[in-house]
Amino acid sequence: MLNSISHFAFGAGAGTLCPLMAGSIEKFSIGKGITFGMGVWATLYIGALPSLGIMKPPSREVKYILLEEIASHVAWGAGLGWSAKALQGRARGLPCYRSGKPG
């Protein structure tokens, strides 16, 4: 349970910092979010966590688990990028965005 809480807390913190690192939320996109998500995965899952002995390196992981981890970070990054666009009011045309302005 603590592992899940720390994982999601780290993700929320990283997600908050990402548009700031991009320079502004206006410069952030879904593609940049996916790139950021994969960067987070690679930095932690290939580098830091195996180096610290917290988890085994991806080369020793079962392939379907590895693919699941990659896919989840791609989805997280895409969601981060979409959220940034929605917050800046540029997600017109998506069902959950209601601006009242023509797109």
C-alpha atoms as a PDB file:
ATOM      1  CA  MET A   1       0.000   0.000   0.000  1.00  0.00           C
ATOM      2  CA  LEU A   2       2.768   2.429   0.917  1.00  0.00           C
ATOM      3  CA  ASN A   3       4.508   1.599  -2.369  1.00  0.00           C
ATOM      4  CA  SER A   4       1.382   2.562  -4.354  1.00  0.00           C
ATOM      5  CA  ILE A   5       0.879   5.761  -2.376  1.00  0.00           C
ATOM      6  CA  SER A   6       4.492   6.839  -2.871  1.00  0.00           C
ATOM      7  CA  HIS A   7       4.328   5.919  -6.584  1.00  0.00           C
ATOM      8  CA  PHE A   8       1.218   8.030  -7.198  1.00  0.00           C
ATOM      9  CA  ALA A   9       2.500  10.890  -5.022  1.00  0.00           C
ATOM     10  CA  PHE A  10       5.730  10.971  -7.019  1.00  0.00           C
ATOM     11  CA  GLY A  11       3.726  10.911 -10.274  1.00  0.00           C
ATOM     12  CA  ALA A  12       1.545  13.780  -9.119  1.00  0.00           C
ATOM     13  CA  GLY A  13       4.602  15.806  -8.127  1.00  0.00           C
ATOM     14  CA  ALA A  14       6.399  15.084 -11.396  1.00  0.00           C
ATOM     15  CA  GLY A  15       3.251  15.916 -13.343  1.00  0.00           C
ATOM     16  CA  THR A  16       2.974  19.247 -11.580  1.00  0.00           C
ATOM     17  CA  LEU A  17       6.577  20.165 -12.352  1.00  0.00           C
ATOM     18  CA  CYS A  18       6.532  19.069 -15.987  1.00  0.00           C
ATOM     19  CA  PRO A  19       4.786  22.113 -17.546  1.00  0.00           C
ATOM     20  CA  LEU A  20       7.020  24.344 -15.436  1.00  0.00           C
ATOM     21  CA  MET A  21      10.079  22.633 -16.882  1.00  0.00           C
ATOM     22  CA  ALA A  22       8.661  23.112 -20.400  1.00  0.00           C
ATOM     23  CA  GLY A  23       8.686  26.866 -19.785  1.00  0.00           C
ATOM     24  CA  SER A  24       4.940  27.300 -19.597  1.00  0.00           C
ATOM     25  CA  ILE A  25       1.751  25.308 -19.796  1.00  0.00           C
ATOM     26  CA  GLU A  26       1.096  26.825 -23.250  1.00  0.00           C
ATOM     27  CA  LYS A  27       4.162  25.049 -24.643  1.00  0.00           C
ATOM     28  CA  PHE A  28       3.092  21.681 -23.292  1.00  0.00           C
ATOM     29  CA  SER A  29       1.375  19.102 -25.514  1.00  0.00           C
ATOM     30  CA  ILE A  30       0.271  15.474 -25.542  1.00  0.00           C
ATOM     31  CA  GLY A  31       3.444  14.526 -27.429  1.00  0.00           C
ATOM     32  CA  LYS A  32       5.619  16.300 -24.877  1.00  0.00           C
ATOM     33  CA  GLY A  33       3.659  14.587 -22.116  1.00  0.00           C
ATOM     34  CA  ILE A  34       4.325  11.159 -23.623  1.00  0.00           C
ATOM     35  CA  THR A  35       8.006  12.019 -23.992  1.00  0.00           C
ATOM     36  CA  PHE A  36       8.081  13.165 -20.378  1.00  0.00           C
ATOM     37  CA  GLY A  37       6.302   9.985 -19.213  1.00  0.00           C
ATOM     38  CA  MET A  38       8.836   7.815 -21.015  1.00  0.00           C
ATOM     39  CA  GLY A  39      11.653   9.949 -19.624  1.00  0.00           C
ATOM     40  CA  VAL A  40      10.368   9.423 -16.090  1.00  0.00           C
ATOM     41  CA  TRP A  41      10.105   5.690 -16.720  1.00  0.00           C
ATOM     42  CA  ALA A  42      13.585   5.427 -18.244  1.00  0.00           C
ATOM     43  CA  THR A  43      15.266   7.575 -15.591  1.00  0.00           C
ATOM     44  CA  LEU A  44      13.749   5.683 -12.691  1.00  0.00           C
ATOM     45  CA  TYR A  45      13.158   2.152 -13.958  1.00  0.00           C
ATOM     46  CA  ILE A  46      16.344   1.797 -16.016  1.00  0.00           C
ATOM     47  CA  GLY A  47      18.633   4.022 -13.946  1.00  0.00           C
ATOM     48  CA  ALA A  48      17.863   5.071 -10.406  1.00  0.00           C
ATOM     49  CA  LEU A  49      15.734   2.269  -8.947  1.00  0.00           C
ATOM     50  CA  PRO A  50      17.932  -0.642 -10.128  1.00  0.00           C
ATOM     51  CA  SER A  51      21.074   1.262  -9.084  1.00  0.00           C
ATOM     52  CA  LEU A  52      19.652   1.688  -5.588  1.00  0.00           C
ATOM     53  CA  GLY A  53      18.647  -1.985  -5.442  1.00  0.00           C
ATOM     54  CA  ILE A  54      14.960  -1.107  -5.078  1.00  0.00           C
ATOM     55  CA  MET A  55      13.914  -3.134  -8.117  1.00  0.00           C
ATOM     56  CA  LYS A  56      15.487  -5.320 -10.767  1.00  0.00           C
ATOM     57  CA  PRO A  57      16.495  -3.789 -14.104  1.00  0.00           C
ATOM     58  CA  PRO A  58      14.081  -4.035 -17.042  1.00  0.00           C
ATOM     59  CA  SER A  59      16.347  -6.565 -18.754  1.00  0.00           C
ATOM     60  CA  ARG A  60      15.500  -9.021 -15.949  1.00  0.00           C
ATOM     61  CA  GLU A  61      11.764  -8.265 -15.946  1.00  0.00           C
ATOM     62  CA  VAL A  62       9.037 -10.442 -17.469  1.00  0.00           C
ATOM     63  CA  LYS A  63       8.196  -8.947 -20.890  1.00  0.00           C
ATOM     64  CA  TYR A  64       4.460  -8.453 -20.333  1.00  0.00           C
ATOM     65  CA  ILE A  65       5.142  -6.594 -17.069  1.00  0.00           C
ATOM     66  CA  LEU A  66       7.722  -4.445 -18.828  1.00  0.00           C
ATOM     67  CA  LEU A  67       5.243  -3.631 -21.612  1.00  0.00           C
ATOM     68  CA  GLU A  68       2.569  -2.832 -19.028  1.00  0.00           C
ATOM     69  CA  GLU A  69       4.913  -0.434 -17.227  1.00  0.00           C
ATOM     70  CA  ILE A  70       5.855   1.309 -20.472  1.00  0.00           C
ATOM     71  CA  ALA A  71       2.224   1.541 -21.619  1.00  0.00           C
ATOM     72  CA  SER A  72       1.114   2.962 -18.283  1.00  0.00           C
ATOM     73  CA  HIS A  73       3.773   5.696 -18.439  1.00  0.00           C
ATOM     74  CA  VAL A  74       2.810   6.522 -22.039  1.00  0.00           C
ATOM     75  CA  ALA A  75      -0.826   6.793 -20.906  1.00  0.00           C
ATOM     76  CA  TRP A  76       0.173   8.902 -17.897  1.00  0.00           C
ATOM     77  CA  GLY A  77       2.190  11.232 -20.113  1.00  0.00           C
ATOM     78  CA  ALA A  78      -0.627  11.525 -22.659  1.00  0.00           C
ATOM     79  CA  GLY A  79      -3.069  12.296 -19.852  1.00  0.00           C
ATOM     80  CA  LEU A  80      -0.673  14.886 -18.491  1.00  0.00           C
ATOM     81  CA  GLY A  81      -0.391  16.552 -21.893  1.00  0.00           C
ATOM     82  CA  TRP A  82      -4.141  16.474 -22.448  1.00  0.00           C
ATOM     83  CA  SER A  83      -4.757  17.914 -18.982  1.00  0.00           C
ATOM     84  CA  ALA A  84      -2.349  20.764 -19.665  1.00  0.00           C
ATOM     85  CA  LYS A  85      -4.194  21.544 -22.901  1.00  0.00           C
ATOM     86  CA  ALA A  86      -7.575  21.357 -21.154  1.00  0.00           C
ATOM     87  CA  LEU A  87      -6.373  23.693 -18.418  1.00  0.00           C
ATOM     88  CA  GLN A  88      -5.246  26.268 -20.939  1.00  0.00           C
ATOM     89  CA  GLY A  89      -8.572  26.048 -22.765  1.00  0.00           C
ATOM     90  CA  ARG A  90      -7.295  24.522 -25.987  1.00  0.00           C
ATOM     91  CA  ALA A  91      -8.989  21.155 -25.805  1.00  0.00           C
ATOM     92  CA  ARG A  92     -11.996  22.341 -27.822  1.00  0.00           C
ATOM     93  CA  GLY A  93     -13.918  19.562 -29.454  1.00  0.00           C
ATOM     94  CA  LEU A  94     -13.263  16.998 -26.761  1.00  0.00           C
ATOM     95  CA  PRO A  95     -16.470  15.806 -25.061  1.00  0.00           C
ATOM     96  CA  CYS A  96     -15.411  16.814 -21.552  1.00  0.00           C
ATOM     97  CA  TYR A  97     -14.474  20.376 -22.506  1.00  0.00           C
ATOM     98  CA  ARG A  98     -17.251  22.962 -22.608  1.00  0.00           C
ATOM     99  CA  SER A  99     -15.982  26.463 -23.361  1.00  0.00           C
ATOM    100  CA  GLY A 100     -19.021  27.870 -25.140  1.00  0.00           C
ATOM    101  CA  LYS A 101     -16.648  29.370 -27.691  1.00  0.00           C
ATOM    102  CA  PRO A 102     -16.481  28.254 -31.306  1.00  0.00           C
ATOM    103  CA  GLY A 103     -13.526  25.962 -32.001  1.00  0.00           C
END
